[in-house]
Amino acid sequence: MVKSIGAIIGAIGAISLGVAAIGIVNTMIMAMYERTREIGIMRACGAKRRTIRRLFTFEASVIGFLGGAIGIVSGIILSKVANYFINKFLIAQSVSATDVISLPPWLILATLILTTFLGLISGAYPAYRASKVDPVEALRFE
């Protein structure tokens, strides 16, 4: 039973990460289209393609990190609330109450690292596309 619950939670986590990755890719592609003229100006002023790629991958990494941090804070709050109600139920059943849901520190750190890395990977394609923008065409854009 416990293994089944763990597998279900793992599947939900994997689906959530997939959705997050798609969301980051979508956000970064939209940012590229919205900032095409800005990218063209930077390239016309001498910015290298590598600089544009780094700018977009850094931005995607920050989005991943912030998403992970918000998720961790939400998870901690929800686990505290769930533990409170579970403990109330257990005490009412004359069972000793303990924290049923706990988040170990290694999991919190791993989550931040994973979400930052996910942002970095998800931002690679939009960063590549942004770096390939032709400055002349970009300045005509809009």
Protein backbone atom coordinates (compact mmCIF):
# COMPACT_ATOMS: atom_id res chain seq x y z
CA MET A 1 0.00 0.00 0.00
CA VAL A 2 2.77 2.42 0.96
CA LYS A 3 4.70 1.56 -2.23
CA SER A 4 1.61 2.25 -4.33
CA ILE A 5 1.13 5.64 -2.72
CA GLY A 6 4.82 6.42 -3.27
CA ALA A 7 4.52 5.44 -6.94
CA ILE A 8 1.44 7.61 -7.40
CA ILE A 9 3.14 10.59 -5.75
CA GLY A 10 6.23 10.01 -7.92
CA ALA A 11 4.09 9.93 -11.07
CA ILE A 12 2.34 13.15 -10.07
CA GLY A 13 5.75 14.74 -9.45
CA ALA A 14 7.06 13.63 -12.84
CA ILE A 15 3.99 14.98 -14.61
CA SER A 16 4.34 18.26 -12.70
CA LEU A 17 7.98 18.59 -13.78
CA GLY A 18 7.00 17.91 -17.39
CA VAL A 19 4.31 20.57 -17.29
CA ALA A 20 6.77 22.99 -15.66
CA ALA A 21 9.34 22.34 -18.40
CA ILE A 22 6.77 22.98 -21.13
CA GLY A 23 5.68 26.15 -19.33
CA ILE A 24 9.25 27.44 -19.15
CA VAL A 25 9.87 26.70 -22.84
CA ASN A 26 6.64 28.48 -23.76
CA THR A 27 7.45 31.47 -21.55
CA MET A 28 10.95 31.81 -22.97
CA ILE A 29 9.80 31.53 -26.59
CA MET A 30 7.22 34.24 -25.96
CA ALA A 31 9.92 36.36 -24.30
CA MET A 32 12.07 35.88 -27.39
CA TYR A 33 9.28 37.04 -29.71
CA GLU A 34 8.43 40.00 -27.49
CA ARG A 35 12.07 41.05 -27.30
CA THR A 36 13.09 40.41 -30.90
CA ARG A 37 13.80 44.10 -31.50
CA GLU A 38 15.79 44.32 -28.26
CA ILE A 39 17.82 41.27 -29.30
CA GLY A 40 18.46 42.89 -32.68
CA ILE A 41 19.68 46.09 -31.02
CA MET A 42 22.00 44.13 -28.72
CA ARG A 43 23.39 42.18 -31.69
CA ALA A 44 23.80 45.39 -33.73
CA CYS A 45 25.71 46.93 -30.80
CA GLY A 46 28.14 44.02 -30.81
CA ALA A 47 26.63 41.43 -28.47
CA LYS A 48 27.73 37.94 -29.40
CA ARG A 49 25.35 35.05 -29.92
CA ARG A 50 26.85 33.43 -26.85
CA THR A 51 25.84 36.48 -24.78
CA ILE A 52 22.24 36.23 -25.98
CA ARG A 53 22.19 32.48 -25.21
CA ARG A 54 23.56 33.09 -21.72
CA LEU A 55 21.00 35.81 -21.08
CA PHE A 56 18.09 33.55 -21.99
CA THR A 57 19.41 30.45 -20.21
CA PHE A 58 20.07 32.49 -17.06
CA GLU A 59 16.56 33.90 -17.20
CA ALA A 60 15.11 30.40 -17.61
CA SER A 61 17.21 29.14 -14.69
CA VAL A 62 15.91 31.94 -12.48
CA ILE A 63 12.34 31.03 -13.46
CA GLY A 64 13.05 27.40 -12.53
CA PHE A 65 14.66 28.37 -9.22
CA LEU A 66 11.82 30.71 -8.25
CA GLY A 67 9.24 28.10 -9.23
CA GLY A 68 11.03 25.55 -7.06
CA ALA A 69 11.27 27.96 -4.13
CA ILE A 70 7.57 28.80 -4.35
CA GLY A 71 6.77 25.09 -4.59
CA ILE A 72 8.88 24.30 -1.53
CA VAL A 73 7.25 27.02 0.56
CA SER A 74 3.81 25.84 -0.57
CA GLY A 75 4.73 22.23 0.20
CA ILE A 76 5.95 23.09 3.69
CA ILE A 77 2.78 25.05 4.46
CA LEU A 78 0.52 22.31 3.09
CA SER A 79 2.41 19.59 4.98
CA LYS A 80 2.05 21.54 8.25
CA VAL A 81 -1.69 21.98 7.67
CA ALA A 82 -2.11 18.31 6.71
CA ASN A 83 -0.11 17.17 9.76
CA TYR A 84 -2.29 19.32 12.01
CA PHE A 85 -5.52 17.74 10.77
CA ILE A 86 -4.11 14.20 10.64
CA ASN A 87 -2.83 14.56 14.21
CA LYS A 88 -6.23 15.86 15.34
CA PHE A 89 -7.85 12.80 13.77
CA LEU A 90 -5.31 10.41 15.30
CA ILE A 91 -5.70 11.93 18.77
CA ALA A 92 -9.49 11.57 18.44
CA GLN A 93 -8.92 7.88 17.66
CA SER A 94 -6.68 7.54 20.76
CA VAL A 95 -3.58 6.99 18.64
CA SER A 96 -0.34 8.79 19.43
CA ALA A 97 0.17 11.72 17.09
CA THR A 98 3.32 12.23 15.06
CA ASP A 99 4.22 14.18 11.96
CA VAL A 100 2.96 11.94 9.18
CA ILE A 101 4.25 14.19 6.40
CA SER A 102 7.82 15.42 6.68
CA LEU A 103 10.17 17.10 4.25
CA PRO A 104 13.81 16.23 4.88
CA PRO A 105 16.38 18.99 4.20
CA TRP A 106 18.07 16.94 1.46
CA LEU A 107 14.77 16.81 -0.44
CA ILE A 108 14.37 20.58 -0.26
CA LEU A 109 17.92 21.12 -1.57
CA ALA A 110 17.47 18.48 -4.28
CA THR A 111 14.23 20.14 -5.37
CA LEU A 112 15.91 23.54 -5.73
CA ILE A 113 18.78 22.03 -7.71
CA LEU A 114 16.44 19.99 -9.91
CA THR A 115 14.10 22.89 -10.70
CA THR A 116 17.01 25.21 -11.47
CA PHE A 117 18.52 22.56 -13.77
CA LEU A 118 15.12 21.97 -15.34
CA GLY A 119 14.89 25.70 -16.07
CA LEU A 120 18.37 25.65 -17.58
CA ILE A 121 17.56 22.70 -19.84
CA SER A 122 14.13 24.07 -20.77
CA GLY A 123 15.67 27.41 -21.70
CA ALA A 124 18.29 25.89 -24.02
CA TYR A 125 16.11 25.74 -27.14
CA PRO A 126 14.61 29.24 -26.78
CA ALA A 127 18.11 30.60 -26.04
CA TYR A 128 19.43 28.95 -29.20
CA ARG A 129 16.57 30.42 -31.23
CA ALA A 130 17.12 33.88 -29.73
CA SER A 131 20.83 33.75 -30.53
CA LYS A 132 20.06 32.99 -34.19
CA VAL A 133 17.96 36.15 -34.66
CA ASP A 134 19.34 38.19 -37.55
CA PRO A 135 19.98 41.76 -36.32
CA VAL A 136 18.78 43.39 -39.56
CA GLU A 137 15.53 41.40 -39.61
CA ALA A 138 15.02 41.97 -35.88
CA LEU A 139 15.30 45.74 -36.28
CA ARG A 140 12.58 45.61 -38.96
CA PHE A 141 10.40 43.47 -36.70
CA GLU A 142 7.12 44.88 -35.25
